[in-house]
C-alpha atoms as a PDB file:
ATOM      1  CA  MET A   1      -0.487  83.310 128.692  1.00  0.00           C
ATOM      2  CA  ASP A   2      -0.701  84.488 132.307  1.00  0.00           C
ATOM      3  CA  SER A   3       2.399  82.464 133.134  1.00  0.00           C
ATOM      4  CA  ILE A   4       4.987  82.711 135.859  1.00  0.00           C
ATOM      5  CA  SER A   5       7.855  81.718 133.602  1.00  0.00           C
ATOM      6  CA  GLY A   6       8.729  81.188 129.963  1.00  0.00           C
ATOM      7  CA  ARG A   7       9.619  77.659 131.028  1.00  0.00           C
ATOM      8  CA  ALA A   8       6.072  76.811 132.065  1.00  0.00           C
ATOM      9  CA  ARG A   9       4.802  73.595 130.501  1.00  0.00           C
ATOM     10  CA  PRO A  10       1.669  71.456 130.498  1.00  0.00           C
ATOM     11  CA  ILE A  11       2.009  68.312 132.573  1.00  0.00           C
ATOM     12  CA  GLY A  12      -0.060  65.570 130.973  1.00  0.00           C
ATOM     13  CA  ARG A  13       2.367  62.627 130.790  1.00  0.00           C
ATOM     14  CA  ARG A  14       3.159  61.154 127.359  1.00  0.00           C
ATOM     15  CA  ALA A  15       3.972  57.554 126.593  1.00  0.00           C
ATOM     16  CA  GLY A  16       5.224  55.671 123.547  1.00  0.00           C
ATOM     17  CA  GLY A  17       3.802  54.268 120.291  1.00  0.00           C
ATOM     18  CA  LEU A  18       1.081  51.663 119.768  1.00  0.00           C
ATOM     19  CA  ARG A  19      -2.038  51.729 117.623  1.00  0.00           C
ATOM     20  CA  ALA A  20      -4.787  53.933 119.097  1.00  0.00           C
ATOM     21  CA  GLY A  21      -7.109  51.308 120.597  1.00  0.00           C
ATOM     22  CA  ALA A  22      -4.320  49.040 121.790  1.00  0.00           C
ATOM     23  CA  ARG A  23      -2.390  51.964 123.220  1.00  0.00           C
ATOM     24  CA  LEU A  24      -5.246  53.085 125.460  1.00  0.00           C
ATOM     25  CA  GLY A  25      -5.577  49.588 126.857  1.00  0.00           C
ATOM     26  CA  ALA A  26      -1.813  49.209 127.258  1.00  0.00           C
ATOM     27  CA  VAL A  27      -1.538  52.506 129.127  1.00  0.00           C
ATOM     28  CA  ALA A  28      -4.401  51.495 131.438  1.00  0.00           C
ATOM     29  CA  VAL A  29      -2.812  48.128 132.213  1.00  0.00           C
ATOM     30  CA  ALA A  30       0.598  49.752 132.750  1.00  0.00           C
ATOM     31  CA  LEU A  31      -0.958  52.187 135.210  1.00  0.00           C
ATOM     32  CA  PHE A  32      -2.569  49.335 137.118  1.00  0.00           C
ATOM     33  CA  VAL A  33       0.610  47.249 137.228  1.00  0.00           C
ATOM     34  CA  GLY A  34       2.587  50.314 138.313  1.00  0.00           C
ATOM     35  CA  SER A  35       0.188  50.882 141.178  1.00  0.00           C
ATOM     36  CA  LEU A  36       1.134  47.463 142.570  1.00  0.00           C
ATOM     37  CA  ALA A  37       4.783  48.476 142.970  1.00  0.00           C
ATOM     38  CA  GLY A  38       4.262  49.740 146.529  1.00  0.00           C
ATOM     39  CA  PRO A  39       3.850  53.111 148.235  1.00  0.00           C
ATOM     40  CA  ALA A  40       5.382  56.164 146.583  1.00  0.00           C
ATOM     41  CA  ASP A  41       6.497  59.379 148.212  1.00  0.00           C
ATOM     42  CA  ALA A  42       4.118  61.995 146.876  1.00  0.00           C
ATOM     43  CA  VAL A  43       2.313  63.948 144.197  1.00  0.00           C
ATOM     44  CA  VAL A  44       5.880  65.342 144.545  1.00  0.00           C
ATOM     45  CA  GLY A  45       6.416  66.130 148.171  1.00  0.00           C
ATOM     46  CA  GLY A  46       2.881  65.205 149.301  1.00  0.00           C
ATOM     47  CA  ARG A  47       1.087  62.058 150.464  1.00  0.00           C
ATOM     48  CA  GLU A  48      -1.172  59.307 149.183  1.00  0.00           C
ATOM     49  CA  ALA A  49      -4.805  60.373 149.649  1.00  0.00           C
ATOM     50  CA  PRO A  50      -7.196  57.529 148.747  1.00  0.00           C
ATOM     51  CA  GLU A  51      -9.841  59.042 151.035  1.00  0.00           C
ATOM     52  CA  ALA A  52     -10.097  62.038 148.670  1.00  0.00           C
ATOM     53  CA  ALA A  53     -10.133  60.114 145.375  1.00  0.00           C
ATOM     54  CA  SER A  54     -13.924  59.807 145.076  1.00  0.00           C
ATOM     55  CA  GLY A  55     -14.135  63.098 143.183  1.00  0.00           C
ATOM     56  CA  SER A  56     -11.391  62.400 140.639  1.00  0.00           C
ATOM     57  CA  VAL A  57     -10.633  60.038 137.756  1.00  0.00           C
ATOM     58  CA  MET A  58      -8.004  59.841 135.023  1.00  0.00           C
ATOM     59  CA  VAL A  59      -8.099  60.788 131.339  1.00  0.00           C
ATOM     60  CA  LEU A  60      -6.026  58.704 128.903  1.00  0.00           C
ATOM     61  CA  SER A  61      -5.399  59.432 125.232  1.00  0.00           C
ATOM     62  CA  SER A  62      -4.391  57.170 122.365  1.00  0.00           C
ATOM     63  CA  ASP A  63      -1.164  59.147 121.877  1.00  0.00           C
ATOM     64  CA  GLY A  64      -0.041  58.112 125.364  1.00  0.00           C
ATOM     65  CA  GLY A  65      -1.328  61.112 127.313  1.00  0.00           C
ATOM     66  CA  VAL A  66      -2.084  60.620 131.016  1.00  0.00           C
ATOM     67  CA  CYS A  67      -4.011  63.259 132.989  1.00  0.00           C
ATOM     68  CA  SER A  68      -6.283  63.670 136.001  1.00  0.00           C
ATOM     69  CA  ALA A  69      -9.855  65.018 136.073  1.00  0.00           C
ATOM     70  CA  VAL A  70     -12.523  66.305 138.461  1.00  0.00           C
ATOM     71  CA  VAL A  71     -15.937  64.579 138.578  1.00  0.00           C
ATOM     72  CA  LEU A  72     -18.828  67.067 138.184  1.00  0.00           C
ATOM     73  CA  ALA A  73     -21.708  64.644 137.485  1.00  0.00           C
ATOM     74  CA  PRO A  74     -22.115  60.862 137.108  1.00  0.00           C
ATOM     75  CA  ASP A  75     -21.194  61.181 133.420  1.00  0.00           C
ATOM     76  CA  THR A  76     -19.235  64.461 133.299  1.00  0.00           C
ATOM     77  CA  VAL A  77     -15.683  65.423 134.276  1.00  0.00           C
ATOM     78  CA  LEU A  78     -13.623  68.609 134.172  1.00  0.00           C
ATOM     79  CA  THR A  79      -9.981  68.490 133.106  1.00  0.00           C
ATOM     80  CA  ALA A  80      -7.294  70.588 131.426  1.00  0.00           C
ATOM     81  CA  ALA A  81      -7.960  71.316 127.753  1.00  0.00           C
ATOM     82  CA  HIS A  82      -4.496  70.145 126.690  1.00  0.00           C
ATOM     83  CA  CYS A  83      -5.478  66.721 128.081  1.00  0.00           C
ATOM     84  CA  ALA A  84      -8.449  66.456 125.686  1.00  0.00           C
ATOM     85  CA  ALA A  85      -7.424  68.486 122.632  1.00  0.00           C
ATOM     86  CA  GLY A  86      -6.166  67.228 119.292  1.00  0.00           C
ATOM     87  CA  ARG A  87      -7.124  64.291 117.127  1.00  0.00           C
ATOM     88  CA  ALA A  88      -6.250  61.498 119.563  1.00  0.00           C
ATOM     89  CA  GLU A  89      -8.925  59.268 121.071  1.00  0.00           C
ATOM     90  CA  HIS A  90      -9.642  59.895 124.741  1.00  0.00           C
ATOM     91  CA  ARG A  91     -11.085  57.735 127.497  1.00  0.00           C
ATOM     92  CA  VAL A  92     -11.920  58.249 131.146  1.00  0.00           C
ATOM     93  CA  HIS A  93     -10.094  55.697 133.274  1.00  0.00           C
ATOM     94  CA  TYR A  94     -10.620  54.234 136.737  1.00  0.00           C
ATOM     95  CA  ARG A  95     -10.122  50.888 138.459  1.00  0.00           C
ATOM     96  CA  GLU A  96     -12.918  48.512 139.407  1.00  0.00           C
ATOM     97  CA  GLY A  97     -11.361  46.227 141.977  1.00  0.00           C
ATOM     98  CA  ALA A  98      -8.465  44.525 140.213  1.00  0.00           C
ATOM     99  CA  GLU A  99      -9.500  45.633 136.723  1.00  0.00           C
ATOM    100  CA  PRO A 100      -8.666  48.841 134.825  1.00  0.00           C
ATOM    101  CA  VAL A 101     -11.757  50.343 133.158  1.00  0.00           C
ATOM    102  CA  LEU A 102     -11.791  52.627 130.092  1.00  0.00           C
ATOM    103  CA  VAL A 103     -14.984  54.607 129.409  1.00  0.00           C
ATOM    104  CA  GLU A 104     -15.673  56.064 125.960  1.00  0.00           C
ATOM    105  CA  LEU A 105     -16.688  59.686 125.536  1.00  0.00           C
ATOM    106  CA  ALA A 106     -20.050  60.949 124.291  1.00  0.00           C
ATOM    107  CA  GLY A 107     -19.126  64.628 124.271  1.00  0.00           C
ATOM    108  CA  ARG A 108     -16.231  67.055 124.596  1.00  0.00           C
ATOM    109  CA  ALA A 109     -16.087  70.838 125.010  1.00  0.00           C
ATOM    110  CA  LEU A 110     -12.862  72.862 125.082  1.00  0.00           C
ATOM    111  CA  HIS A 111     -12.997  76.358 126.564  1.00  0.00           C
ATOM    112  CA  PRO A 112     -13.070  78.883 123.680  1.00  0.00           C
ATOM    113  CA  GLY A 113     -10.210  80.721 125.379  1.00  0.00           C
ATOM    114  CA  TYR A 114      -7.893  77.716 125.171  1.00  0.00           C
ATOM    115  CA  ASP A 115      -4.793  78.367 123.060  1.00  0.00           C
ATOM    116  CA  ALA A 116      -2.652  75.314 122.347  1.00  0.00           C
ATOM    117  CA  GLY A 117       0.308  77.528 121.417  1.00  0.00           C
ATOM    118  CA  ALA A 118       0.035  79.812 124.428  1.00  0.00           C
ATOM    119  CA  ILE A 119       3.173  78.672 126.225  1.00  0.00           C
ATOM    120  CA  ALA A 120       5.463  79.044 123.220  1.00  0.00           C
ATOM    121  CA  GLY A 121       3.847  82.366 122.292  1.00  0.00           C
ATOM    122  CA  ARG A 122       3.615  83.633 125.896  1.00  0.00           C
ATOM    123  CA  ARG A 123      -0.090  84.257 125.463  1.00  0.00           C
ATOM    124  CA  ARG A 124      -3.004  83.797 127.826  1.00  0.00           C
ATOM    125  CA  SER A 125      -4.892  80.529 127.703  1.00  0.00           C
ATOM    126  CA  ILE A 126      -7.877  79.160 129.620  1.00  0.00           C
ATOM    127  CA  ASP A 127      -6.844  75.521 129.751  1.00  0.00           C
ATOM    128  CA  LEU A 128     -10.166  73.857 130.652  1.00  0.00           C
ATOM    129  CA  ALA A 129     -12.274  71.120 129.047  1.00  0.00           C
ATOM    130  CA  LEU A 130     -15.468  69.270 129.897  1.00  0.00           C
ATOM    131  CA  LEU A 131     -15.872  65.605 128.956  1.00  0.00           C
ATOM    132  CA  ARG A 132     -19.111  63.619 128.954  1.00  0.00           C
ATOM    133  CA  THR A 133     -18.832  59.845 129.270  1.00  0.00           C
ATOM    134  CA  ALA A 134     -20.927  57.428 127.232  1.00  0.00           C
ATOM    135  CA  THR A 135     -21.873  55.529 130.405  1.00  0.00           C
ATOM    136  CA  PRO A 136     -22.079  56.754 134.017  1.00  0.00           C
ATOM    137  CA  LEU A 137     -19.246  56.338 136.469  1.00  0.00           C
ATOM    138  CA  PRO A 138     -19.795  54.006 139.437  1.00  0.00           C
ATOM    139  CA  ALA A 139     -21.831  55.422 142.307  1.00  0.00           C
ATOM    140  CA  ARG A 140     -18.735  55.707 144.522  1.00  0.00           C
ATOM    141  CA  PHE A 141     -17.644  58.747 142.512  1.00  0.00           C
ATOM    142  CA  ALA A 142     -19.227  61.854 144.028  1.00  0.00           C
ATOM    143  CA  PRO A 143     -19.536  65.197 142.197  1.00  0.00           C
ATOM    144  CA  ALA A 144     -17.006  67.731 143.443  1.00  0.00           C
ATOM    145  CA  ARG A 145     -18.074  71.126 144.769  1.00  0.00           C
ATOM    146  CA  LEU A 146     -16.689  74.138 142.879  1.00  0.00           C
ATOM    147  CA  ALA A 147     -15.609  77.360 144.594  1.00  0.00           C
ATOM    148  CA  ALA A 148     -17.042  80.531 143.053  1.00  0.00           C
ATOM    149  CA  ASP A 149     -14.584  82.756 144.960  1.00  0.00           C
ATOM    150  CA  GLY A 150     -10.868  82.855 144.301  1.00  0.00           C
ATOM    151  CA  PRO A 151      -8.113  82.222 146.852  1.00  0.00           C
ATOM    152  CA  ARG A 152      -6.035  84.821 148.689  1.00  0.00           C
ATOM    153  CA  ALA A 153      -2.249  85.163 148.752  1.00  0.00           C
ATOM    154  CA  GLY A 154      -0.823  83.036 151.554  1.00  0.00           C
ATOM    155  CA  GLU A 155      -3.873  80.757 151.722  1.00  0.00           C
ATOM    156  CA  SER A 156      -3.069  77.037 151.681  1.00  0.00           C
ATOM    157  CA  LEU A 157      -4.719  74.912 148.976  1.00  0.00           C
ATOM    158  CA  VAL A 158      -4.584  71.156 148.405  1.00  0.00           C
ATOM    159  CA  LEU A 159      -3.305  70.073 144.981  1.00  0.00           C
ATOM    160  CA  SER A 160      -4.145  66.479 144.039  1.00  0.00           C
ATOM    161  CA  GLY A 161      -3.747  64.157 141.079  1.00  0.00           C
ATOM    162  CA  TYR A 162      -2.822  60.747 139.707  1.00  0.00           C
ATOM    163  CA  GLY A 163       0.547  61.846 138.345  1.00  0.00           C
ATOM    164  CA  VAL A 164       4.061  60.632 139.042  1.00  0.00           C
ATOM    165  CA  ALA A 165       5.611  60.876 142.505  1.00  0.00           C
ATOM    166  CA  ARG A 166       8.861  62.134 140.997  1.00  0.00           C
ATOM    167  CA  PRO A 167       9.952  63.160 137.487  1.00  0.00           C
ATOM    168  CA  GLY A 168      10.486  60.208 135.181  1.00  0.00           C
ATOM    169  CA  ALA A 169       9.004  57.612 137.561  1.00  0.00           C
ATOM    170  CA  ALA A 170       6.235  56.426 135.232  1.00  0.00           C
ATOM    171  CA  ARG A 171       5.435  53.382 137.394  1.00  0.00           C
ATOM    172  CA  THR A 172       4.240  55.673 140.207  1.00  0.00           C
ATOM    173  CA  THR A 173       1.417  57.060 138.036  1.00  0.00           C
ATOM    174  CA  GLY A 174      -2.133  56.041 138.922  1.00  0.00           C
ATOM    175  CA  THR A 175      -2.109  56.612 142.695  1.00  0.00           C
ATOM    176  CA  PHE A 176      -4.084  59.612 143.955  1.00  0.00           C
ATOM    177  CA  ARG A 177      -1.821  61.928 145.946  1.00  0.00           C
ATOM    178  CA  SER A 178      -2.177  65.354 147.551  1.00  0.00           C
ATOM    179  CA  ALA A 179       0.067  68.167 148.718  1.00  0.00           C
ATOM    180  CA  SER A 180      -0.838  71.297 150.699  1.00  0.00           C
ATOM    181  CA  LEU A 181       0.711  74.416 149.157  1.00  0.00           C
ATOM    182  CA  PRO A 182       0.483  78.181 149.800  1.00  0.00           C
ATOM    183  CA  VAL A 183      -0.836  80.607 147.172  1.00  0.00           C
ATOM    184  CA  VAL A 184       1.650  83.141 145.776  1.00  0.00           C
ATOM    185  CA  GLU A 185       0.874  86.165 143.582  1.00  0.00           C
ATOM    186  CA  PRO A 186       4.049  87.039 141.656  1.00  0.00           C
ATOM    187  CA  TYR A 187       2.213  89.502 139.385  1.00  0.00           C
ATOM    188  CA  GLY A 188      -0.667  90.370 141.689  1.00  0.00           C
ATOM    189  CA  PRO A 189      -4.054  88.591 141.762  1.00  0.00           C
ATOM    190  CA  SER A 190      -4.955  86.831 138.503  1.00  0.00           C
ATOM    191  CA  ARG A 191      -8.372  86.302 136.931  1.00  0.00           C
ATOM    192  CA  ILE A 192      -7.088  83.216 135.126  1.00  0.00           C
ATOM    193  CA  LEU A 193      -4.466  81.426 137.200  1.00  0.00           C
ATOM    194  CA  VAL A 194      -3.553  80.518 140.731  1.00  0.00           C
ATOM    195  CA  TRP A 195       0.125  79.932 141.503  1.00  0.00           C
ATOM    196  CA  LEU A 196       1.279  77.589 144.266  1.00  0.00           C
ATOM    197  CA  LYS A 197       4.856  77.523 145.574  1.00  0.00           C
ATOM    198  CA  PRO A 198       6.098  75.230 148.360  1.00  0.00           C
ATOM    199  CA  ALA A 199       7.461  76.919 151.446  1.00  0.00           C
ATOM    200  CA  ALA A 200      10.344  74.436 151.696  1.00  0.00           C
ATOM    201  CA  GLY A 201      11.557  71.605 149.488  1.00  0.00           C
ATOM    202  CA  PRO A 202      10.039  70.414 146.195  1.00  0.00           C
ATOM    203  CA  SER A 203       6.293  69.852 146.369  1.00  0.00           C
ATOM    204  CA  GLY A 204       3.508  70.143 143.804  1.00  0.00           C
ATOM    205  CA  ALA A 205       2.295  68.948 140.435  1.00  0.00           C
ATOM    206  CA  CYS A 206       4.182  66.720 138.027  1.00  0.00           C
ATOM    207  CA  GLN A 207       3.484  64.674 134.868  1.00  0.00           C
ATOM    208  CA  GLY A 208      -0.036  63.226 134.926  1.00  0.00           C
ATOM    209  CA  ASP A 209      -1.456  65.738 137.422  1.00  0.00           C
ATOM    210  CA  SER A 210      -2.846  68.103 134.751  1.00  0.00           C
ATOM    211  CA  GLY A 211      -6.617  68.342 135.120  1.00  0.00           C
ATOM    212  CA  GLY A 212      -6.576  67.402 138.786  1.00  0.00           C
ATOM    213  CA  PRO A 213      -8.244  69.449 141.532  1.00  0.00           C
ATOM    214  CA  ILE A 214      -6.736  72.322 143.506  1.00  0.00           C
ATOM    215  CA  ALA A 215      -9.077  72.648 146.488  1.00  0.00           C
ATOM    216  CA  ARG A 216      -9.676  74.541 149.700  1.00  0.00           C
ATOM    217  CA  GLY A 217      -9.408  72.760 153.015  1.00  0.00           C
ATOM    218  CA  ASP A 218     -13.157  72.071 152.954  1.00  0.00           C
ATOM    219  CA  GLY A 219     -12.795  70.246 149.634  1.00  0.00           C
ATOM    220  CA  ALA A 220     -14.321  72.864 147.303  1.00  0.00           C
ATOM    221  CA  VAL A 221     -12.333  72.947 144.045  1.00  0.00           C
ATOM    222  CA  VAL A 222     -10.796  76.366 143.357  1.00  0.00           C
ATOM    223  CA  ALA A 223      -8.811  75.514 140.228  1.00  0.00           C
ATOM    224  CA  VAL A 224      -7.709  72.764 137.850  1.00  0.00           C
ATOM    225  CA  THR A 225      -3.988  72.016 137.541  1.00  0.00           C
ATOM    226  CA  ALA A 226      -2.562  72.971 134.155  1.00  0.00           C
ATOM    227  CA  TRP A 227       1.176  73.760 134.219  1.00  0.00           C
ATOM    228  CA  VAL A 228       4.389  73.631 136.164  1.00  0.00           C
ATOM    229  CA  GLY A 229       6.739  76.584 135.827  1.00  0.00           C
ATOM    230  CA  GLY A 230       9.869  78.206 137.138  1.00  0.00           C
ATOM    231  CA  GLY A 231      11.824  74.959 137.204  1.00  0.00           C
ATOM    232  CA  PRO A 232      11.283  71.191 137.610  1.00  0.00           C
ATOM    233  CA  CYS A 233       8.277  69.454 139.158  1.00  0.00           C
ATOM    234  CA  GLY A 234       7.712  70.616 142.712  1.00  0.00           C
ATOM    235  CA  ALA A 235       8.900  74.175 142.091  1.00  0.00           C
ATOM    236  CA  ILE A 236       5.787  76.155 141.091  1.00  0.00           C
ATOM    237  CA  SER A 237       2.394  74.688 140.180  1.00  0.00           C
ATOM    238  CA  GLN A 238      -0.179  76.627 138.179  1.00  0.00           C
ATOM    239  CA  GLY A 239      -3.912  76.030 137.931  1.00  0.00           C
ATOM    240  CA  VAL A 240      -6.804  77.604 136.031  1.00  0.00           C
ATOM    241  CA  LEU A 241      -9.358  79.182 138.384  1.00  0.00           C
ATOM    242  CA  VAL A 242     -12.891  77.824 137.931  1.00  0.00           C
ATOM    243  CA  GLY A 243     -14.838  80.741 139.470  1.00  0.00           C
ATOM    244  CA  PRO A 244     -14.091  83.250 136.680  1.00  0.00           C
ATOM    245  CA  GLN A 245     -15.143  80.580 134.124  1.00  0.00           C
ATOM    246  CA  ARG A 246     -18.465  79.813 135.803  1.00  0.00           C
ATOM    247  CA  ASP A 247     -20.550  81.193 132.940  1.00  0.00           C
ATOM    248  CA  TRP A 248     -18.909  78.910 130.370  1.00  0.00           C
ATOM    249  CA  LEU A 249     -19.028  75.920 132.684  1.00  0.00           C
ATOM    250  CA  ASP A 250     -22.696  76.417 133.555  1.00  0.00           C
ATOM    251  CA  ARG A 251     -23.780  77.076 129.952  1.00  0.00           C
ATOM    252  CA  THR A 252     -21.950  74.039 128.637  1.00  0.00           C
ATOM    253  CA  LEU A 253     -23.272  71.774 131.372  1.00  0.00           C
ATOM    254  CA  GLN A 254     -26.806  73.087 130.904  1.00  0.00           C
ATOM    255  CA  GLY A 255     -26.580  72.163 127.224  1.00  0.00           C
ATOM    256  CA  TRP A 256     -25.805  68.613 128.320  1.00  0.00           C
ATOM    257  CA  GLY A 257     -28.617  68.600 130.871  1.00  0.00           C
ATOM    258  CA  ARG A 258     -26.131  68.693 133.748  1.00  0.00           C
ATOM    259  CA  ARG A 259     -25.190  71.169 136.456  1.00  0.00           C
ATOM    260  CA  ALA A 260     -22.217  71.834 138.720  1.00  0.00           C
ATOM    261  CA  VAL A 261     -22.417  72.247 142.484  1.00  0.00           C
ATOM    262  CA  TRP A 262     -21.120  75.728 143.372  1.00  0.00           C
ATOM    263  CA  GLU A 263     -20.235  77.246 146.724  1.00  0.00           C
END
């Protein structure tokens, strides 16, 4: 894997043990109840960003997994592959007023370069997945724009997601938060990953932010969050660049009769 540290790890949050169908509903309700607990500090060191949430939803799994995702079409989202892999059932999640909504999937495609054992084996992995929902999302969700070009070292990108505001604070999951972070290139420019490291203090991705957007200032999505590395949440965030994977994304979407918006 093109990783910054042997301690890198995926950051889809896991929860405890119910039967598959009940567990998905229980996780969704827990997320909703947690969101009523009051304002939280950050994505870790960021801010609440409800104005930017129209292009993102959540992905829940029956084994307790909680992730974020980027909306590409009314019935299609992009997320991290580790958020959608395995034998668990998966649902797209959002809130409709006071009610949590779980949407079944009609299709799933993991990037052929995804390697579930990449972190332990220190191998490269393209941690991306496309999910197609059985029914469309509400009209308030707008397809995100994808950036064909990669970022430059020193450029500031906005990392966003529905994950926890601080490690272990499960009740803070479910609120969309953002943090602006500079790009670093510890090994030179990568064709797979972008690395983000805060200039001061902890800031960045944490549990539940996997699959969320990493975007330019104009909102175009450059990468999808996949790992944290080099220490605890808020140390270094890693995302999979979407531009180099455009061929796979476009071919898969075309097979579903869908298309992404590229810039």
